[in-house]
Amino acid sequence: MPNIGPLELMIVLVIALMVFGPKKLPELGKSLGSGMREFKSSITGEKDEADQDVASDEAHRARLAAVTDQPQ
């Protein structure tokens, strides 16, 4: 199996940049990273601290929205 060096990685990055564009590429990287993190946590059976923080932030936003939507 051939080794992948820095030149090959740059070629792949340039092709990805041309295909997806500069605005969409960071979003794709972020979703790929979160997918890999989810896969790893499902394999190991661990909960990620970032996932717990997101869940607590969502619960806080829901409580805040419930309070602000009440008529005064």
PDB file of N, CA and C in Angstrom:
ATOM      1  N   MET A   1       0.851  -1.174   0.000  1.00  0.00           N
ATOM      2  CA  MET A   1       0.000   0.000   0.000  1.00  0.00           C
ATOM      3  C   MET A   1       0.901   1.242   0.000  1.00  0.00           C
ATOM      4  N   PRO A   2       0.667   2.163  -0.920  1.00  0.00           N
ATOM      5  CA  PRO A   2       1.532   3.342  -1.008  1.00  0.00           C
ATOM      6  C   PRO A   2       1.279   4.313   0.152  1.00  0.00           C
ATOM      7  N   ASN A   3       2.325   5.015   0.512  1.00  0.00           N
ATOM      8  CA  ASN A   3       2.216   6.025   1.575  1.00  0.00           C
ATOM      9  C   ASN A   3       1.592   7.298   1.009  1.00  0.00           C
ATOM     10  N   ILE A   4       0.834   7.973   1.845  1.00  0.00           N
ATOM     11  CA  ILE A   4       0.229   9.241   1.444  1.00  0.00           C
ATOM     12  C   ILE A   4       1.059  10.354   2.057  1.00  0.00           C
ATOM     13  N   GLY A   5       1.653  11.157   1.209  1.00  0.00           N
ATOM     14  CA  GLY A   5       2.524  12.233   1.676  1.00  0.00           C
ATOM     15  C   GLY A   5       1.839  13.576   1.644  1.00  0.00           C
ATOM     16  N   PRO A   6       2.564  14.632   1.970  1.00  0.00           N
ATOM     17  CA  PRO A   6       1.983  15.972   2.000  1.00  0.00           C
ATOM     18  C   PRO A   6       1.525  16.455   0.623  1.00  0.00           C
ATOM     19  N   LEU A   7       2.214  16.061  -0.427  1.00  0.00           N
ATOM     20  CA  LEU A   7       1.818  16.467  -1.778  1.00  0.00           C
ATOM     21  C   LEU A   7       0.456  15.883  -2.151  1.00  0.00           C
ATOM     22  N   GLU A   8       0.254  14.616  -1.845  1.00  0.00           N
ATOM     23  CA  GLU A   8      -1.034  13.977  -2.145  1.00  0.00           C
ATOM     24  C   GLU A   8      -2.165  14.612  -1.339  1.00  0.00           C
ATOM     25  N   LEU A   9      -1.885  14.936  -0.068  1.00  0.00           N
ATOM     26  CA  LEU A   9      -2.910  15.582   0.757  1.00  0.00           C
ATOM     27  C   LEU A   9      -3.282  16.957   0.206  1.00  0.00           C
ATOM     28  N   MET A  10      -2.304  17.698  -0.262  1.00  0.00           N
ATOM     29  CA  MET A  10      -2.572  19.018  -0.853  1.00  0.00           C
ATOM     30  C   MET A  10      -3.418  18.880  -2.126  1.00  0.00           C
ATOM     31  N   ILE A  11      -3.124  17.880  -2.932  1.00  0.00           N
ATOM     32  CA  ILE A  11      -3.901  17.665  -4.158  1.00  0.00           C
ATOM     33  C   ILE A  11      -5.342  17.348  -3.808  1.00  0.00           C
ATOM     34  N   VAL A  12      -5.570  16.498  -2.833  1.00  0.00           N
ATOM     35  CA  VAL A  12      -6.931  16.155  -2.407  1.00  0.00           C
ATOM     36  C   VAL A  12      -7.646  17.386  -1.870  1.00  0.00           C
ATOM     37  N   LEU A  13      -6.953  18.207  -1.092  1.00  0.00           N
ATOM     38  CA  LEU A  13      -7.548  19.420  -0.539  1.00  0.00           C
ATOM     39  C   LEU A  13      -7.931  20.405  -1.642  1.00  0.00           C
ATOM     40  N   VAL A  14      -7.078  20.572  -2.629  1.00  0.00           N
ATOM     41  CA  VAL A  14      -7.374  21.483  -3.740  1.00  0.00           C
ATOM     42  C   VAL A  14      -8.575  20.982  -4.538  1.00  0.00           C
ATOM     43  N   ILE A  15      -8.647  19.690  -4.784  1.00  0.00           N
ATOM     44  CA  ILE A  15      -9.787  19.126  -5.513  1.00  0.00           C
ATOM     45  C   ILE A  15     -11.075  19.309  -4.707  1.00  0.00           C
ATOM     46  N   ALA A  16     -11.020  19.062  -3.395  1.00  0.00           N
ATOM     47  CA  ALA A  16     -12.201  19.248  -2.547  1.00  0.00           C
ATOM     48  C   ALA A  16     -12.628  20.712  -2.534  1.00  0.00           C
ATOM     49  N   LEU A  17     -11.671  21.614  -2.521  1.00  0.00           N
ATOM     50  CA  LEU A  17     -11.969  23.040  -2.536  1.00  0.00           C
ATOM     51  C   LEU A  17     -12.648  23.438  -3.838  1.00  0.00           C
ATOM     52  N   MET A  18     -12.189  22.884  -4.945  1.00  0.00           N
ATOM     53  CA  MET A  18     -12.804  23.194  -6.241  1.00  0.00           C
ATOM     54  C   MET A  18     -14.203  22.596  -6.354  1.00  0.00           C
ATOM     55  N   VAL A  19     -14.412  21.416  -5.810  1.00  0.00           N
ATOM     56  CA  VAL A  19     -15.713  20.749  -5.920  1.00  0.00           C
ATOM     57  C   VAL A  19     -16.748  21.399  -5.006  1.00  0.00           C
ATOM     58  N   PHE A  20     -16.404  21.618  -3.742  1.00  0.00           N
ATOM     59  CA  PHE A  20     -17.380  22.096  -2.770  1.00  0.00           C
ATOM     60  C   PHE A  20     -17.369  23.602  -2.568  1.00  0.00           C
ATOM     61  N   GLY A  21     -16.287  24.259  -2.842  1.00  0.00           N
ATOM     62  CA  GLY A  21     -16.217  25.705  -2.664  1.00  0.00           C
ATOM     63  C   GLY A  21     -15.714  26.073  -1.288  1.00  0.00           C
ATOM     64  N   PRO A  22     -15.219  27.305  -1.149  1.00  0.00           N
ATOM     65  CA  PRO A  22     -14.622  27.715   0.126  1.00  0.00           C
ATOM     66  C   PRO A  22     -15.633  27.918   1.255  1.00  0.00           C
ATOM     67  N   LYS A  23     -16.890  28.183   0.946  1.00  0.00           N
ATOM     68  CA  LYS A  23     -17.877  28.405   2.009  1.00  0.00           C
ATOM     69  C   LYS A  23     -18.411  27.092   2.571  1.00  0.00           C
ATOM     70  N   LYS A  24     -18.507  26.075   1.756  1.00  0.00           N
ATOM     71  CA  LYS A  24     -19.095  24.810   2.185  1.00  0.00           C
ATOM     72  C   LYS A  24     -18.075  23.872   2.825  1.00  0.00           C
ATOM     73  N   LEU A  25     -16.797  24.037   2.513  1.00  0.00           N
ATOM     74  CA  LEU A  25     -15.764  23.125   2.995  1.00  0.00           C
ATOM     75  C   LEU A  25     -15.639  23.093   4.523  1.00  0.00           C
ATOM     76  N   PRO A  26     -15.653  24.223   5.246  1.00  0.00           N
ATOM     77  CA  PRO A  26     -15.589  24.147   6.717  1.00  0.00           C
ATOM     78  C   PRO A  26     -16.788  23.427   7.332  1.00  0.00           C
ATOM     79  N   GLU A  27     -17.965  23.619   6.747  1.00  0.00           N
ATOM     80  CA  GLU A  27     -19.154  22.933   7.252  1.00  0.00           C
ATOM     81  C   GLU A  27     -19.028  21.427   7.066  1.00  0.00           C
ATOM     82  N   LEU A  28     -18.482  21.008   5.929  1.00  0.00           N
ATOM     83  CA  LEU A  28     -18.288  19.584   5.687  1.00  0.00           C
ATOM     84  C   LEU A  28     -17.280  18.995   6.664  1.00  0.00           C
ATOM     85  N   GLY A  29     -16.216  19.720   6.940  1.00  0.00           N
ATOM     86  CA  GLY A  29     -15.217  19.257   7.903  1.00  0.00           C
ATOM     87  C   GLY A  29     -15.798  19.131   9.299  1.00  0.00           C
ATOM     88  N   LYS A  30     -16.622  20.102   9.668  1.00  0.00           N
ATOM     89  CA  LYS A  30     -17.246  20.074  10.998  1.00  0.00           C
ATOM     90  C   LYS A  30     -18.199  18.882  11.127  1.00  0.00           C
ATOM     91  N   SER A  31     -19.006  18.644  10.096  1.00  0.00           N
ATOM     92  CA  SER A  31     -19.938  17.523  10.158  1.00  0.00           C
ATOM     93  C   SER A  31     -19.205  16.187  10.119  1.00  0.00           C
ATOM     94  N   LEU A  32     -18.104  16.121   9.377  1.00  0.00           N
ATOM     95  CA  LEU A  32     -17.307  14.888   9.346  1.00  0.00           C
ATOM     96  C   LEU A  32     -16.697  14.621  10.722  1.00  0.00           C
ATOM     97  N   GLY A  33     -16.176  15.657  11.367  1.00  0.00           N
ATOM     98  CA  GLY A  33     -15.601  15.500  12.700  1.00  0.00           C
ATOM     99  C   GLY A  33     -16.624  15.068  13.729  1.00  0.00           C
ATOM    100  N   SER A  34     -17.810  15.675  13.683  1.00  0.00           N
ATOM    101  CA  SER A  34     -18.839  15.289  14.655  1.00  0.00           C
ATOM    102  C   SER A  34     -19.335  13.866  14.386  1.00  0.00           C
ATOM    103  N   GLY A  35     -19.391  13.473  13.126  1.00  0.00           N
ATOM    104  CA  GLY A  35     -19.781  12.105  12.804  1.00  0.00           C
ATOM    105  C   GLY A  35     -18.768  11.086  13.301  1.00  0.00           C
ATOM    106  N   MET A  36     -17.492  11.411  13.130  1.00  0.00           N
ATOM    107  CA  MET A  36     -16.447  10.509  13.621  1.00  0.00           C
ATOM    108  C   MET A  36     -16.472  10.427  15.147  1.00  0.00           C
ATOM    109  N   ARG A  37     -16.726  11.570  15.810  1.00  0.00           N
ATOM    110  CA  ARG A  37     -16.810  11.593  17.274  1.00  0.00           C
ATOM    111  C   ARG A  37     -17.987  10.754  17.755  1.00  0.00           C
ATOM    112  N   GLU A  38     -19.131  10.868  17.070  1.00  0.00           N
ATOM    113  CA  GLU A  38     -20.304  10.079  17.425  1.00  0.00           C
ATOM    114  C   GLU A  38     -20.042   8.597  17.254  1.00  0.00           C
ATOM    115  N   PHE A  39     -19.395   8.250  16.138  1.00  0.00           N
ATOM    116  CA  PHE A  39     -19.078   6.849  15.867  1.00  0.00           C
ATOM    117  C   PHE A  39     -18.164   6.285  16.950  1.00  0.00           C
ATOM    118  N   LYS A  40     -17.141   7.056  17.324  1.00  0.00           N
ATOM    119  CA  LYS A  40     -16.200   6.602  18.350  1.00  0.00           C
ATOM    120  C   LYS A  40     -16.909   6.409  19.684  1.00  0.00           C
ATOM    121  N   SER A  41     -17.777   7.364  20.042  1.00  0.00           N
ATOM    122  CA  SER A  41     -18.469   7.248  21.327  1.00  0.00           C
ATOM    123  C   SER A  41     -19.460   6.085  21.326  1.00  0.00           C
ATOM    124  N   SER A  42     -20.054   5.784  20.174  1.00  0.00           N
ATOM    125  CA  SER A  42     -20.974   4.647  20.131  1.00  0.00           C
ATOM    126  C   SER A  42     -20.222   3.326  20.210  1.00  0.00           C
ATOM    127  N   ILE A  43     -19.014   3.289  19.660  1.00  0.00           N
ATOM    128  CA  ILE A  43     -18.211   2.070  19.725  1.00  0.00           C
ATOM    129  C   ILE A  43     -17.700   1.844  21.141  1.00  0.00           C
ATOM    130  N   THR A  44     -17.201   2.893  21.782  1.00  0.00           N
ATOM    131  CA  THR A  44     -16.637   2.744  23.126  1.00  0.00           C
ATOM    132  C   THR A  44     -17.697   2.799  24.218  1.00  0.00           C
ATOM    133  N   GLY A  45     -18.871   3.315  23.895  1.00  0.00           N
ATOM    134  CA  GLY A  45     -19.941   3.403  24.883  1.00  0.00           C
ATOM    135  C   GLY A  45     -19.783   4.556  25.841  1.00  0.00           C
ATOM    136  N   GLU A  46     -18.991   5.546  25.476  1.00  0.00           N
ATOM    137  CA  GLU A  46     -18.767   6.695  26.341  1.00  0.00           C
ATOM    138  C   GLU A  46     -19.597   7.874  25.882  1.00  0.00           C
ATOM    139  N   LYS A  47     -19.933   8.729  26.824  1.00  0.00           N
ATOM    140  CA  LYS A  47     -20.592   9.991  26.506  1.00  0.00           C
ATOM    141  C   LYS A  47     -19.540  11.068  26.446  1.00  0.00           C
ATOM    142  N   ASP A  48     -19.585  11.891  25.431  1.00  0.00           N
ATOM    143  CA  ASP A  48     -18.622  12.980  25.274  1.00  0.00           C
ATOM    144  C   ASP A  48     -19.078  14.174  26.095  1.00  0.00           C
ATOM    145  N   GLU A  49     -18.137  14.870  26.709  1.00  0.00           N
ATOM    146  CA  GLU A  49     -18.474  16.045  27.510  1.00  0.00           C
ATOM    147  C   GLU A  49     -19.108  17.125  26.656  1.00  0.00           C
ATOM    148  N   ALA A  50     -18.671  17.249  25.424  1.00  0.00           N
ATOM    149  CA  ALA A  50     -19.249  18.258  24.529  1.00  0.00           C
ATOM    150  C   ALA A  50     -20.711  17.942  24.250  1.00  0.00           C
ATOM    151  N   ASP A  51     -21.054  16.660  24.100  1.00  0.00           N
ATOM    152  CA  ASP A  51     -22.446  16.280  23.876  1.00  0.00           C
ATOM    153  C   ASP A  51     -23.297  16.617  25.096  1.00  0.00           C
ATOM    154  N   GLN A  52     -22.745  16.402  26.290  1.00  0.00           N
ATOM    155  CA  GLN A  52     -23.476  16.727  27.502  1.00  0.00           C
ATOM    156  C   GLN A  52     -23.669  18.233  27.624  1.00  0.00           C
ATOM    157  N   ASP A  53     -22.650  19.010  27.247  1.00  0.00           N
ATOM    158  CA  ASP A  53     -22.763  20.463  27.285  1.00  0.00           C
ATOM    159  C   ASP A  53     -23.817  20.952  26.314  1.00  0.00           C
ATOM    160  N   VAL A  54     -23.863  20.366  25.131  1.00  0.00           N
ATOM    161  CA  VAL A  54     -24.858  20.752  24.125  1.00  0.00           C
ATOM    162  C   VAL A  54     -26.247  20.439  24.641  1.00  0.00           C
ATOM    163  N   ALA A  55     -26.423  19.286  25.255  1.00  0.00           N
ATOM    164  CA  ALA A  55     -27.733  18.908  25.779  1.00  0.00           C
ATOM    165  C   ALA A  55     -28.165  19.864  26.886  1.00  0.00           C
ATOM    166  N   SER A  56     -27.245  20.248  27.766  1.00  0.00           N
ATOM    167  CA  SER A  56     -27.611  21.166  28.839  1.00  0.00           C
ATOM    168  C   SER A  56     -27.899  22.561  28.287  1.00  0.00           C
ATOM    169  N   ASP A  57     -27.168  22.980  27.246  1.00  0.00           N
ATOM    170  CA  ASP A  57     -27.436  24.272  26.615  1.00  0.00           C
ATOM    171  C   ASP A  57     -28.812  24.283  25.957  1.00  0.00           C
ATOM    172  N   GLU A  58     -29.174  23.180  25.302  1.00  0.00           N
ATOM    173  CA  GLU A  58     -30.488  23.098  24.660  1.00  0.00           C
ATOM    174  C   GLU A  58     -31.602  23.126  25.701  1.00  0.00           C
ATOM    175  N   ALA A  59     -31.403  22.445  26.818  1.00  0.00           N
ATOM    176  CA  ALA A  59     -32.402  22.445  27.883  1.00  0.00           C
ATOM    177  C   ALA A  59     -32.539  23.850  28.466  1.00  0.00           C
ATOM    178  N   HIS A  60     -31.430  24.553  28.621  1.00  0.00           N
ATOM    179  CA  HIS A  60     -31.458  25.924  29.137  1.00  0.00           C
ATOM    180  C   HIS A  60     -32.205  26.842  28.163  1.00  0.00           C
ATOM    181  N   ARG A  61     -31.945  26.697  26.877  1.00  0.00           N
ATOM    182  CA  ARG A  61     -32.637  27.522  25.882  1.00  0.00           C
ATOM    183  C   ARG A  61     -34.133  27.244  25.876  1.00  0.00           C
ATOM    184  N   ALA A  62     -34.512  25.972  26.044  1.00  0.00           N
ATOM    185  CA  ALA A  62     -35.927  25.619  26.064  1.00  0.00           C
ATOM    186  C   ALA A  62     -36.617  26.241  27.272  1.00  0.00           C
ATOM    187  N   ARG A  63     -35.960  26.185  28.450  1.00  0.00           N
ATOM    188  CA  ARG A  63     -36.549  26.802  29.641  1.00  0.00           C
ATOM    189  C   ARG A  63     -36.653  28.312  29.475  1.00  0.00           C
ATOM    190  N   LEU A  64     -35.627  28.915  28.891  1.00  0.00           N
ATOM    191  CA  LEU A  64     -35.627  30.356  28.673  1.00  0.00           C
ATOM    192  C   LEU A  64     -36.732  30.760  27.699  1.00  0.00           C
ATOM    193  N   ALA A  65     -36.911  29.987  26.649  1.00  0.00           N
ATOM    194  CA  ALA A  65     -37.953  30.271  25.670  1.00  0.00           C
ATOM    195  C   ALA A  65     -39.334  30.128  26.316  1.00  0.00           C
ATOM    196  N   ALA A  66     -39.518  29.146  27.191  1.00  0.00           N
ATOM    197  CA  ALA A  66     -40.796  28.958  27.862  1.00  0.00           C
ATOM    198  C   ALA A  66     -41.114  30.128  28.769  1.00  0.00           C
ATOM    199  N   VAL A  67     -40.111  30.649  29.427  1.00  0.00           N
ATOM    200  CA  VAL A  67     -40.305  31.781  30.337  1.00  0.00           C
ATOM    201  C   VAL A  67     -40.596  33.058  29.559  1.00  0.00           C
ATOM    202  N   THR A  68     -39.889  33.287  28.474  1.00  0.00           N
ATOM    203  CA  THR A  68     -40.070  34.533  27.720  1.00  0.00           C
ATOM    204  C   THR A  68     -41.335  34.528  26.893  1.00  0.00           C
ATOM    205  N   ASP A  69     -41.903  33.354  26.589  1.00  0.00           N
ATOM    206  CA  ASP A  69     -43.123  33.290  25.795  1.00  0.00           C
ATOM    207  C   ASP A  69     -44.382  33.503  26.632  1.00  0.00           C
ATOM    208  N   GLN A  70     -44.279  33.485  27.946  1.00  0.00           N
ATOM    209  CA  GLN A  70     -45.440  33.678  28.792  1.00  0.00           C
ATOM    210  C   GLN A  70     -45.885  35.137  28.760  1.00  0.00           C
ATOM    211  N   PRO A  71     -47.211  35.374  28.641  1.00  0.00           N
ATOM    212  CA  PRO A  71     -47.696  36.765  28.659  1.00  0.00           C
ATOM    213  C   PRO A  71     -47.553  37.368  30.049  1.00  0.00           C
ATOM    214  N   GLN A  72     -47.264  38.659  30.080  1.00  0.00           N
ATOM    215  CA  GLN A  72     -47.084  39.326  31.362  1.00  0.00           C
ATOM    216  C   GLN A  72     -48.239  40.230  31.675  1.00  0.00           C
TER     217      GLN A  72
END
